ModelCIF file with pLDDT and N, C-alpha, C, O atoms, coordinates in Angstrom:
data_MODEL
#
_entry.id   MODEL 
#
_entity.id                         1 
_entity.type                       polymer 
_entity.pdbx_number_of_molecules   1 
#
_entity_poly.entity_id                      1 
_entity_poly.type                           'polypeptide(L)' 
_entity_poly.nstd_linkage                   no 
_entity_poly.nstd_monomer                   no 
_entity_poly.pdbx_seq_one_letter_code       MKKVEAIIKPFKLDEVKDALQEIDIQGITVTEVKGYGRQKGHTEL 
_entity_poly.pdbx_seq_one_letter_code_can   MKKVEAIIKPFKLDEVKDALQEIDIQGITVTEVKGYGRQKGHTEL 
_entity_poly.pdbx_strand_id                 A 
#
loop_
_entity_poly_seq.entity_id 
_entity_poly_seq.num 
_entity_poly_seq.mon_id 
_entity_poly_seq.hetero 
1 1  MET n 
1 2  LYS n 
1 3  LYS n 
1 4  VAL n 
1 5  GLU n 
1 6  ALA n 
1 7  ILE n 
1 8  ILE n 
1 9  LYS n 
1 10 PRO n 
1 11 PHE n 
1 12 LYS n 
1 13 LEU n 
1 14 ASP n 
1 15 GLU n 
1 16 VAL n 
1 17 LYS n 
1 18 ASP n 
1 19 ALA n 
1 20 LEU n 
1 21 GLN n 
1 22 GLU n 
1 23 ILE n 
1 24 ASP n 
1 25 ILE n 
1 26 GLN n 
1 27 GLY n 
1 28 ILE n 
1 29 THR n 
1 30 VAL n 
1 31 THR n 
1 32 GLU n 
1 33 VAL n 
1 34 LYS n 
1 35 GLY n 
1 36 TYR n 
1 37 GLY n 
1 38 ARG n 
1 39 GLN n 
1 40 LYS n 
1 41 GLY n 
1 42 HIS n 
1 43 THR n 
1 44 GLU n 
1 45 LEU n 
#
_struct_asym.id          A 
_struct_asym.entity_id   1 
#
loop_
_ma_qa_metric.id 
_ma_qa_metric.mode 
_ma_qa_metric.name 
_ma_qa_metric.software_group_id 
_ma_qa_metric.type 
1 global pLDDT . pLDDT 
2 local  pLDDT . pLDDT 
#
_ma_qa_metric_global.metric_id      1 
_ma_qa_metric_global.metric_value   89.38 
_ma_qa_metric_global.model_id       1 
_ma_qa_metric_global.ordinal_id     1 
#
loop_
_ma_qa_metric_local.label_asym_id 
_ma_qa_metric_local.label_comp_id 
_ma_qa_metric_local.label_seq_id 
_ma_qa_metric_local.metric_id 
_ma_qa_metric_local.metric_value 
_ma_qa_metric_local.model_id 
_ma_qa_metric_local.ordinal_id 
A MET 1  2 96.00 1 1  
A LYS 2  2 97.00 1 2  
A LYS 3  2 98.00 1 3  
A VAL 4  2 98.00 1 4  
A GLU 5  2 98.00 1 5  
A ALA 6  2 98.00 1 6  
A ILE 7  2 97.00 1 7  
A ILE 8  2 97.00 1 8  
A LYS 9  2 95.00 1 9  
A PRO 10 2 96.00 1 10 
A PHE 11 2 96.00 1 11 
A LYS 12 2 97.00 1 12 
A LEU 13 2 97.00 1 13 
A ASP 14 2 97.00 1 14 
A GLU 15 2 97.00 1 15 
A VAL 16 2 97.00 1 16 
A LYS 17 2 97.00 1 17 
A ASP 18 2 97.00 1 18 
A ALA 19 2 97.00 1 19 
A LEU 20 2 97.00 1 20 
A GLN 21 2 96.00 1 21 
A GLU 22 2 96.00 1 22 
A ILE 23 2 96.00 1 23 
A ASP 24 2 95.00 1 24 
A ILE 25 2 94.00 1 25 
A GLN 26 2 86.00 1 26 
A GLY 27 2 90.00 1 27 
A ILE 28 2 96.00 1 28 
A THR 29 2 97.00 1 29 
A VAL 30 2 98.00 1 30 
A THR 31 2 98.00 1 31 
A GLU 32 2 97.00 1 32 
A VAL 33 2 95.00 1 33 
A LYS 34 2 89.00 1 34 
A GLY 35 2 85.00 1 35 
A TYR 36 2 78.00 1 36 
A GLY 37 2 77.00 1 37 
A ARG 38 2 72.00 1 38 
A GLN 39 2 64.00 1 39 
A LYS 40 2 64.00 1 40 
A GLY 41 2 62.00 1 41 
A HIS 42 2 61.00 1 42 
A THR 43 2 65.00 1 43 
A GLU 44 2 64.00 1 44 
A LEU 45 2 68.00 1 45 
#
loop_
_atom_site.group_PDB 
_atom_site.id 
_atom_site.type_symbol 
_atom_site.label_atom_id 
_atom_site.label_alt_id 
_atom_site.label_comp_id 
_atom_site.label_asym_id 
_atom_site.label_entity_id 
_atom_site.label_seq_id 
_atom_site.pdbx_PDB_ins_code 
_atom_site.Cartn_x 
_atom_site.Cartn_y 
_atom_site.Cartn_z 
_atom_site.occupancy 
_atom_site.B_iso_or_equiv 
_atom_site.pdbx_formal_charge 
_atom_site.auth_seq_id 
_atom_site.auth_comp_id 
_atom_site.auth_asym_id 
_atom_site.auth_atom_id 
_atom_site.pdbx_PDB_model_num 
ATOM 1   N N  . MET A 1 1  ? -38.116 -84.330  -23.820 1.00 96.00 ? 1  MET A N  1 
ATOM 2   C CA . MET A 1 1  ? -39.468 -84.829  -23.766 1.00 96.00 ? 1  MET A CA 1 
ATOM 3   C C  . MET A 1 1  ? -39.741 -85.658  -25.011 1.00 96.00 ? 1  MET A C  1 
ATOM 4   O O  . MET A 1 1  ? -39.166 -85.423  -26.074 1.00 96.00 ? 1  MET A O  1 
ATOM 5   N N  . LYS A 1 2  ? -40.630 -86.633  -24.855 1.00 97.00 ? 2  LYS A N  1 
ATOM 6   C CA . LYS A 1 2  ? -41.019 -87.495  -25.968 1.00 97.00 ? 2  LYS A CA 1 
ATOM 7   C C  . LYS A 1 2  ? -42.538 -87.615  -26.012 1.00 97.00 ? 2  LYS A C  1 
ATOM 8   O O  . LYS A 1 2  ? -43.217 -87.533  -24.988 1.00 97.00 ? 2  LYS A O  1 
ATOM 9   N N  . LYS A 1 3  ? -43.052 -87.812  -27.223 1.00 98.00 ? 3  LYS A N  1 
ATOM 10  C CA . LYS A 1 3  ? -44.465 -88.107  -27.404 1.00 98.00 ? 3  LYS A CA 1 
ATOM 11  C C  . LYS A 1 3  ? -44.588 -89.586  -27.730 1.00 98.00 ? 3  LYS A C  1 
ATOM 12  O O  . LYS A 1 3  ? -43.952 -90.079  -28.662 1.00 98.00 ? 3  LYS A O  1 
ATOM 13  N N  . VAL A 1 4  ? -45.398 -90.282  -26.968 1.00 98.00 ? 4  VAL A N  1 
ATOM 14  C CA . VAL A 1 4  ? -45.649 -91.705  -27.192 1.00 98.00 ? 4  VAL A CA 1 
ATOM 15  C C  . VAL A 1 4  ? -47.065 -91.825  -27.741 1.00 98.00 ? 4  VAL A C  1 
ATOM 16  O O  . VAL A 1 4  ? -48.030 -91.405  -27.104 1.00 98.00 ? 4  VAL A O  1 
ATOM 17  N N  . GLU A 1 5  ? -47.172 -92.407  -28.938 1.00 98.00 ? 5  GLU A N  1 
ATOM 18  C CA . GLU A 1 5  ? -48.469 -92.671  -29.546 1.00 98.00 ? 5  GLU A CA 1 
ATOM 19  C C  . GLU A 1 5  ? -48.638 -94.184  -29.626 1.00 98.00 ? 5  GLU A C  1 
ATOM 20  O O  . GLU A 1 5  ? -47.806 -94.879  -30.209 1.00 98.00 ? 5  GLU A O  1 
ATOM 21  N N  . ALA A 1 6  ? -49.706 -94.680  -29.044 1.00 98.00 ? 6  ALA A N  1 
ATOM 22  C CA . ALA A 1 6  ? -49.967 -96.120  -29.063 1.00 98.00 ? 6  ALA A CA 1 
ATOM 23  C C  . ALA A 1 6  ? -51.309 -96.365  -29.735 1.00 98.00 ? 6  ALA A C  1 
ATOM 24  O O  . ALA A 1 6  ? -52.314 -95.745  -29.385 1.00 98.00 ? 6  ALA A O  1 
ATOM 25  N N  . ILE A 1 7  ? -51.316 -97.275  -30.703 1.00 97.00 ? 7  ILE A N  1 
ATOM 26  C CA . ILE A 1 7  ? -52.545 -97.701  -31.366 1.00 97.00 ? 7  ILE A CA 1 
ATOM 27  C C  . ILE A 1 7  ? -52.858 -99.085  -30.794 1.00 97.00 ? 7  ILE A C  1 
ATOM 28  O O  . ILE A 1 7  ? -52.067 -100.016 -30.942 1.00 97.00 ? 7  ILE A O  1 
ATOM 29  N N  . ILE A 1 8  ? -54.017 -99.216  -30.139 1.00 97.00 ? 8  ILE A N  1 
ATOM 30  C CA . ILE A 1 8  ? -54.361 -100.475 -29.474 1.00 97.00 ? 8  ILE A CA 1 
ATOM 31  C C  . ILE A 1 8  ? -55.782 -100.906 -29.838 1.00 97.00 ? 8  ILE A C  1 
ATOM 32  O O  . ILE A 1 8  ? -56.545 -100.144 -30.433 1.00 97.00 ? 8  ILE A O  1 
ATOM 33  N N  . LYS A 1 9  ? -56.119 -102.139 -29.469 1.00 95.00 ? 9  LYS A N  1 
ATOM 34  C CA . LYS A 1 9  ? -57.478 -102.638 -29.663 1.00 95.00 ? 9  LYS A CA 1 
ATOM 35  C C  . LYS A 1 9  ? -58.408 -101.945 -28.669 1.00 95.00 ? 9  LYS A C  1 
ATOM 36  O O  . LYS A 1 9  ? -58.031 -101.726 -27.518 1.00 95.00 ? 9  LYS A O  1 
ATOM 37  N N  . PRO A 1 10 ? -59.619 -101.598 -29.105 1.00 96.00 ? 10 PRO A N  1 
ATOM 38  C CA . PRO A 1 10 ? -60.534 -100.840 -28.241 1.00 96.00 ? 10 PRO A CA 1 
ATOM 39  C C  . PRO A 1 10 ? -60.844 -101.502 -26.901 1.00 96.00 ? 10 PRO A C  1 
ATOM 40  O O  . PRO A 1 10 ? -60.963 -100.809 -25.891 1.00 96.00 ? 10 PRO A O  1 
ATOM 41  N N  . PHE A 1 11 ? -60.976 -102.826 -26.873 1.00 96.00 ? 11 PHE A N  1 
ATOM 42  C CA . PHE A 1 11 ? -61.355 -103.486 -25.632 1.00 96.00 ? 11 PHE A CA 1 
ATOM 43  C C  . PHE A 1 11 ? -60.227 -103.492 -24.600 1.00 96.00 ? 11 PHE A C  1 
ATOM 44  O O  . PHE A 1 11 ? -60.448 -103.869 -23.449 1.00 96.00 ? 11 PHE A O  1 
ATOM 45  N N  . LYS A 1 12 ? -59.031 -103.082 -24.995 1.00 97.00 ? 12 LYS A N  1 
ATOM 46  C CA . LYS A 1 12 ? -57.891 -103.021 -24.075 1.00 97.00 ? 12 LYS A CA 1 
ATOM 47  C C  . LYS A 1 12 ? -57.737 -101.653 -23.412 1.00 97.00 ? 12 LYS A C  1 
ATOM 48  O O  . LYS A 1 12 ? -56.878 -101.484 -22.545 1.00 97.00 ? 12 LYS A O  1 
ATOM 49  N N  . LEU A 1 13 ? -58.558 -100.672 -23.807 1.00 97.00 ? 13 LEU A N  1 
ATOM 50  C CA . LEU A 1 13 ? -58.385 -99.306  -23.314 1.00 97.00 ? 13 LEU A CA 1 
ATOM 51  C C  . LEU A 1 13 ? -58.433 -99.201  -21.794 1.00 97.00 ? 13 LEU A C  1 
ATOM 52  O O  . LEU A 1 13 ? -57.522 -98.634  -21.192 1.00 97.00 ? 13 LEU A O  1 
ATOM 53  N N  . ASP A 1 14 ? -59.464 -99.731  -21.168 1.00 97.00 ? 14 ASP A N  1 
ATOM 54  C CA . ASP A 1 14 ? -59.584 -99.602  -19.707 1.00 97.00 ? 14 ASP A CA 1 
ATOM 55  C C  . ASP A 1 14 ? -58.423 -100.260 -18.979 1.00 97.00 ? 14 ASP A C  1 
ATOM 56  O O  . ASP A 1 14 ? -57.913 -99.727  -17.993 1.00 97.00 ? 14 ASP A O  1 
ATOM 57  N N  . GLU A 1 15 ? -58.016 -101.408 -19.465 1.00 97.00 ? 15 GLU A N  1 
ATOM 58  C CA . GLU A 1 15 ? -56.906 -102.131 -18.853 1.00 97.00 ? 15 GLU A CA 1 
ATOM 59  C C  . GLU A 1 15 ? -55.601 -101.327 -18.958 1.00 97.00 ? 15 GLU A C  1 
ATOM 60  O O  . GLU A 1 15 ? -54.851 -101.227 -17.986 1.00 97.00 ? 15 GLU A O  1 
ATOM 61  N N  . VAL A 1 16 ? -55.336 -100.762 -20.129 1.00 97.00 ? 16 VAL A N  1 
ATOM 62  C CA . VAL A 1 16 ? -54.126 -99.962  -20.335 1.00 97.00 ? 16 VAL A CA 1 
ATOM 63  C C  . VAL A 1 16 ? -54.188 -98.686  -19.493 1.00 97.00 ? 16 VAL A C  1 
ATOM 64  O O  . VAL A 1 16 ? -53.198 -98.311  -18.865 1.00 97.00 ? 16 VAL A O  1 
ATOM 65  N N  . LYS A 1 17 ? -55.335 -98.022  -19.476 1.00 97.00 ? 17 LYS A N  1 
ATOM 66  C CA . LYS A 1 17 ? -55.505 -96.795  -18.687 1.00 97.00 ? 17 LYS A CA 1 
ATOM 67  C C  . LYS A 1 17 ? -55.245 -97.070  -17.207 1.00 97.00 ? 17 LYS A C  1 
ATOM 68  O O  . LYS A 1 17 ? -54.546 -96.302  -16.546 1.00 97.00 ? 17 LYS A O  1 
ATOM 69  N N  . ASP A 1 18 ? -55.804 -98.160  -16.685 1.00 97.00 ? 18 ASP A N  1 
ATOM 70  C CA . ASP A 1 18 ? -55.596 -98.512  -15.270 1.00 97.00 ? 18 ASP A CA 1 
ATOM 71  C C  . ASP A 1 18 ? -54.128 -98.811  -14.981 1.00 97.00 ? 18 ASP A C  1 
ATOM 72  O O  . ASP A 1 18 ? -53.604 -98.405  -13.943 1.00 97.00 ? 18 ASP A O  1 
ATOM 73  N N  . ALA A 1 19 ? -53.465 -99.515  -15.890 1.00 97.00 ? 19 ALA A N  1 
ATOM 74  C CA . ALA A 1 19 ? -52.050 -99.838  -15.707 1.00 97.00 ? 19 ALA A CA 1 
ATOM 75  C C  . ALA A 1 19 ? -51.193 -98.576  -15.720 1.00 97.00 ? 19 ALA A C  1 
ATOM 76  O O  . ALA A 1 19 ? -50.239 -98.468  -14.949 1.00 97.00 ? 19 ALA A O  1 
ATOM 77  N N  . LEU A 1 20 ? -51.524 -97.622  -16.589 1.00 97.00 ? 20 LEU A N  1 
ATOM 78  C CA . LEU A 1 20 ? -50.778 -96.358  -16.638 1.00 97.00 ? 20 LEU A CA 1 
ATOM 79  C C  . LEU A 1 20 ? -51.029 -95.528  -15.377 1.00 97.00 ? 20 LEU A C  1 
ATOM 80  O O  . LEU A 1 20 ? -50.116 -94.866  -14.883 1.00 97.00 ? 20 LEU A O  1 
ATOM 81  N N  . GLN A 1 21 ? -52.242 -95.555  -14.858 1.00 96.00 ? 21 GLN A N  1 
ATOM 82  C CA . GLN A 1 21 ? -52.529 -94.839  -13.611 1.00 96.00 ? 21 GLN A CA 1 
ATOM 83  C C  . GLN A 1 21 ? -51.750 -95.441  -12.445 1.00 96.00 ? 21 GLN A C  1 
ATOM 84  O O  . GLN A 1 21 ? -51.333 -94.721  -11.538 1.00 96.00 ? 21 GLN A O  1 
ATOM 85  N N  . GLU A 1 22 ? -51.551 -96.762  -12.467 1.00 96.00 ? 22 GLU A N  1 
ATOM 86  C CA . GLU A 1 22 ? -50.787 -97.435  -11.408 1.00 96.00 ? 22 GLU A CA 1 
ATOM 87  C C  . GLU A 1 22 ? -49.331 -96.975  -11.369 1.00 96.00 ? 22 GLU A C  1 
ATOM 88  O O  . GLU A 1 22 ? -48.711 -96.972  -10.306 1.00 96.00 ? 22 GLU A O  1 
ATOM 89  N N  . ILE A 1 23 ? -48.782 -96.587  -12.520 1.00 96.00 ? 23 ILE A N  1 
ATOM 90  C CA . ILE A 1 23 ? -47.396 -96.091  -12.536 1.00 96.00 ? 23 ILE A CA 1 
ATOM 91  C C  . ILE A 1 23 ? -47.353 -94.567  -12.525 1.00 96.00 ? 23 ILE A C  1 
ATOM 92  O O  . ILE A 1 23 ? -46.342 -93.958  -12.873 1.00 96.00 ? 23 ILE A O  1 
ATOM 93  N N  . ASP A 1 24 ? -48.476 -93.956  -12.115 1.00 95.00 ? 24 ASP A N  1 
ATOM 94  C CA . ASP A 1 24 ? -48.587 -92.520  -11.882 1.00 95.00 ? 24 ASP A CA 1 
ATOM 95  C C  . ASP A 1 24 ? -48.471 -91.674  -13.154 1.00 95.00 ? 24 ASP A C  1 
ATOM 96  O O  . ASP A 1 24 ? -47.866 -90.602  -13.142 1.00 95.00 ? 24 ASP A O  1 
ATOM 97  N N  . ILE A 1 25 ? -49.056 -92.165  -14.247 1.00 94.00 ? 25 ILE A N  1 
ATOM 98  C CA . ILE A 1 25 ? -49.161 -91.371  -15.472 1.00 94.00 ? 25 ILE A CA 1 
ATOM 99  C C  . ILE A 1 25 ? -50.513 -90.677  -15.424 1.00 94.00 ? 25 ILE A C  1 
ATOM 100 O O  . ILE A 1 25 ? -51.543 -91.330  -15.253 1.00 94.00 ? 25 ILE A O  1 
ATOM 101 N N  . GLN A 1 26 ? -50.514 -89.349  -15.574 1.00 86.00 ? 26 GLN A N  1 
ATOM 102 C CA . GLN A 1 26 ? -51.742 -88.599  -15.374 1.00 86.00 ? 26 GLN A CA 1 
ATOM 103 C C  . GLN A 1 26 ? -52.362 -88.052  -16.648 1.00 86.00 ? 26 GLN A C  1 
ATOM 104 O O  . GLN A 1 26 ? -53.588 -87.969  -16.731 1.00 86.00 ? 26 GLN A O  1 
ATOM 105 N N  . GLY A 1 27 ? -51.580 -87.681  -17.631 1.00 90.00 ? 27 GLY A N  1 
ATOM 106 C CA . GLY A 1 27 ? -52.134 -87.041  -18.820 1.00 90.00 ? 27 GLY A CA 1 
ATOM 107 C C  . GLY A 1 27 ? -52.130 -87.961  -20.020 1.00 90.00 ? 27 GLY A C  1 
ATOM 108 O O  . GLY A 1 27 ? -51.069 -88.348  -20.510 1.00 90.00 ? 27 GLY A O  1 
ATOM 109 N N  . ILE A 1 28 ? -53.322 -88.314  -20.498 1.00 96.00 ? 28 ILE A N  1 
ATOM 110 C CA . ILE A 1 28 ? -53.454 -89.172  -21.674 1.00 96.00 ? 28 ILE A CA 1 
ATOM 111 C C  . ILE A 1 28 ? -54.541 -88.575  -22.571 1.00 96.00 ? 28 ILE A C  1 
ATOM 112 O O  . ILE A 1 28 ? -55.596 -88.168  -22.086 1.00 96.00 ? 28 ILE A O  1 
ATOM 113 N N  . THR A 1 29 ? -54.282 -88.525  -23.860 1.00 97.00 ? 29 THR A N  1 
ATOM 114 C CA . THR A 1 29 ? -55.308 -88.152  -24.825 1.00 97.00 ? 29 THR A CA 1 
ATOM 115 C C  . THR A 1 29 ? -55.725 -89.419  -25.551 1.00 97.00 ? 29 THR A C  1 
ATOM 116 O O  . THR A 1 29 ? -54.874 -90.177  -26.016 1.00 97.00 ? 29 THR A O  1 
ATOM 117 N N  . VAL A 1 30 ? -57.030 -89.655  -25.651 1.00 98.00 ? 30 VAL A N  1 
ATOM 118 C CA . VAL A 1 30 ? -57.554 -90.865  -26.285 1.00 98.00 ? 30 VAL A CA 1 
ATOM 119 C C  . VAL A 1 30 ? -58.416 -90.457  -27.472 1.00 98.00 ? 30 VAL A C  1 
ATOM 120 O O  . VAL A 1 30 ? -59.276 -89.583  -27.365 1.00 98.00 ? 30 VAL A O  1 
ATOM 121 N N  . THR A 1 31 ? -58.166 -91.112  -28.612 1.00 98.00 ? 31 THR A N  1 
ATOM 122 C CA . THR A 1 31 ? -58.924 -90.835  -29.832 1.00 98.00 ? 31 THR A CA 1 
ATOM 123 C C  . THR A 1 31 ? -59.386 -92.151  -30.430 1.00 98.00 ? 31 THR A C  1 
ATOM 124 O O  . THR A 1 31 ? -58.621 -93.114  -30.489 1.00 98.00 ? 31 THR A O  1 
ATOM 125 N N  . GLU A 1 32 ? -60.647 -92.195  -30.878 1.00 97.00 ? 32 GLU A N  1 
ATOM 126 C CA . GLU A 1 32 ? -61.124 -93.356  -31.621 1.00 97.00 ? 32 GLU A CA 1 
ATOM 127 C C  . GLU A 1 32 ? -60.673 -93.181  -33.070 1.00 97.00 ? 32 GLU A C  1 
ATOM 128 O O  . GLU A 1 32 ? -60.978 -92.170  -33.704 1.00 97.00 ? 32 GLU A O  1 
ATOM 129 N N  . VAL A 1 33 ? -59.949 -94.165  -33.587 1.00 95.00 ? 33 VAL A N  1 
ATOM 130 C CA . VAL A 1 33 ? -59.431 -94.085  -34.952 1.00 95.00 ? 33 VAL A CA 1 
ATOM 131 C C  . VAL A 1 33 ? -59.789 -95.360  -35.701 1.00 95.00 ? 33 VAL A C  1 
ATOM 132 O O  . VAL A 1 33 ? -60.247 -96.337  -35.108 1.00 95.00 ? 33 VAL A O  1 
ATOM 133 N N  . LYS A 1 34 ? -59.573 -95.338  -37.015 1.00 89.00 ? 34 LYS A N  1 
ATOM 134 C CA . LYS A 1 34 ? -59.751 -96.529  -37.846 1.00 89.00 ? 34 LYS A CA 1 
ATOM 135 C C  . LYS A 1 34 ? -58.521 -96.673  -38.719 1.00 89.00 ? 34 LYS A C  1 
ATOM 136 O O  . LYS A 1 34 ? -57.910 -95.681  -39.117 1.00 89.00 ? 34 LYS A O  1 
ATOM 137 N N  . GLY A 1 35 ? -58.164 -97.897  -39.011 1.00 85.00 ? 35 GLY A N  1 
ATOM 138 C CA . GLY A 1 35 ? -57.026 -98.116  -39.882 1.00 85.00 ? 35 GLY A CA 1 
ATOM 139 C C  . GLY A 1 35 ? -56.869 -99.585  -40.194 1.00 85.00 ? 35 GLY A C  1 
ATOM 140 O O  . GLY A 1 35 ? -57.657 -100.425 -39.759 1.00 85.00 ? 35 GLY A O  1 
ATOM 141 N N  . TYR A 1 36 ? -55.834 -99.876  -40.956 1.00 78.00 ? 36 TYR A N  1 
ATOM 142 C CA . TYR A 1 36 ? -55.522 -101.277 -41.198 1.00 78.00 ? 36 TYR A CA 1 
ATOM 143 C C  . TYR A 1 36 ? -54.044 -101.425 -41.462 1.00 78.00 ? 36 TYR A C  1 
ATOM 144 O O  . TYR A 1 36 ? -53.380 -100.498 -41.925 1.00 78.00 ? 36 TYR A O  1 
ATOM 145 N N  . GLY A 1 37 ? -53.550 -102.584 -41.167 1.00 77.00 ? 37 GLY A N  1 
ATOM 146 C CA . GLY A 1 37 ? -52.163 -102.946 -41.418 1.00 77.00 ? 37 GLY A CA 1 
ATOM 147 C C  . GLY A 1 37 ? -52.180 -104.369 -41.935 1.00 77.00 ? 37 GLY A C  1 
ATOM 148 O O  . GLY A 1 37 ? -52.805 -104.666 -42.954 1.00 77.00 ? 37 GLY A O  1 
ATOM 149 N N  . ARG A 1 38 ? -51.496 -105.238 -41.231 1.00 72.00 ? 38 ARG A N  1 
ATOM 150 C CA . ARG A 1 38 ? -51.494 -106.643 -41.625 1.00 72.00 ? 38 ARG A CA 1 
ATOM 151 C C  . ARG A 1 38 ? -52.853 -107.294 -41.400 1.00 72.00 ? 38 ARG A C  1 
ATOM 152 O O  . ARG A 1 38 ? -53.177 -108.297 -42.037 1.00 72.00 ? 38 ARG A O  1 
ATOM 153 N N  . GLN A 1 39 ? -53.640 -106.731 -40.503 1.00 64.00 ? 39 GLN A N  1 
ATOM 154 C CA . GLN A 1 39 ? -54.965 -107.282 -40.196 1.00 64.00 ? 39 GLN A CA 1 
ATOM 155 C C  . GLN A 1 39 ? -55.904 -107.160 -41.401 1.00 64.00 ? 39 GLN A C  1 
ATOM 156 O O  . GLN A 1 39 ? -56.758 -108.023 -41.600 1.00 64.00 ? 39 GLN A O  1 
ATOM 157 N N  . LYS A 1 40 ? -55.763 -106.121 -42.191 1.00 64.00 ? 40 LYS A N  1 
ATOM 158 C CA . LYS A 1 40 ? -56.448 -105.897 -43.469 1.00 64.00 ? 40 LYS A CA 1 
ATOM 159 C C  . LYS A 1 40 ? -57.965 -105.880 -43.416 1.00 64.00 ? 40 LYS A C  1 
ATOM 160 O O  . LYS A 1 40 ? -58.595 -106.069 -44.457 1.00 64.00 ? 40 LYS A O  1 
ATOM 161 N N  . GLY A 1 41 ? -58.576 -105.668 -42.288 1.00 62.00 ? 41 GLY A N  1 
ATOM 162 C CA . GLY A 1 41 ? -60.032 -105.612 -42.219 1.00 62.00 ? 41 GLY A CA 1 
ATOM 163 C C  . GLY A 1 41 ? -60.656 -107.001 -42.190 1.00 62.00 ? 41 GLY A C  1 
ATOM 164 O O  . GLY A 1 41 ? -59.967 -108.000 -41.986 1.00 62.00 ? 41 GLY A O  1 
ATOM 165 N N  . HIS A 1 42 ? -61.965 -107.049 -42.397 1.00 61.00 ? 42 HIS A N  1 
ATOM 166 C CA . HIS A 1 42 ? -62.678 -108.315 -42.369 1.00 61.00 ? 42 HIS A CA 1 
ATOM 167 C C  . HIS A 1 42 ? -64.002 -108.170 -43.114 1.00 61.00 ? 42 HIS A C  1 
ATOM 168 O O  . HIS A 1 42 ? -64.391 -107.067 -43.497 1.00 61.00 ? 42 HIS A O  1 
ATOM 169 N N  . THR A 1 43 ? -64.693 -109.297 -43.315 1.00 65.00 ? 43 THR A N  1 
ATOM 170 C CA . THR A 1 43 ? -65.998 -109.253 -43.955 1.00 65.00 ? 43 THR A CA 1 
ATOM 171 C C  . THR A 1 43 ? -67.082 -109.437 -42.897 1.00 65.00 ? 43 THR A C  1 
ATOM 172 O O  . THR A 1 43 ? -66.884 -110.139 -41.905 1.00 65.00 ? 43 THR A O  1 
ATOM 173 N N  . GLU A 1 44 ? -68.222 -108.804 -43.120 1.00 64.00 ? 44 GLU A N  1 
ATOM 174 C CA . GLU A 1 44 ? -69.358 -108.935 -42.217 1.00 64.00 ? 44 GLU A CA 1 
ATOM 175 C C  . GLU A 1 44 ? -70.607 -109.198 -43.029 1.00 64.00 ? 44 GLU A C  1 
ATOM 176 O O  . GLU A 1 44 ? -70.660 -108.912 -44.225 1.00 64.00 ? 44 GLU A O  1 
ATOM 177 N N  . LEU A 1 45 ? -71.600 -109.740 -42.374 1.00 68.00 ? 45 LEU A N  1 
ATOM 178 C CA . LEU A 1 45 ? -72.878 -110.023 -43.010 1.00 68.00 ? 45 LEU A CA 1 
ATOM 179 C C  . LEU A 1 45 ? -73.920 -109.063 -42.451 1.00 68.00 ? 45 LEU A C  1 
ATOM 180 O O  . LEU A 1 45 ? -75.085 -109.117 -42.846 1.00 68.00 ? 45 LEU A O  1 
#
């Protein structure tokens, strides 16, 4: 058995969930997280 952890953009969640359901994946845990990598955040006003 393997654990797959995917960090994705929030607006892609529904699309990814639907695609996984199409290939008969039933158990998914979803967590809202924050982080940074090469994207390094941004400035806001």
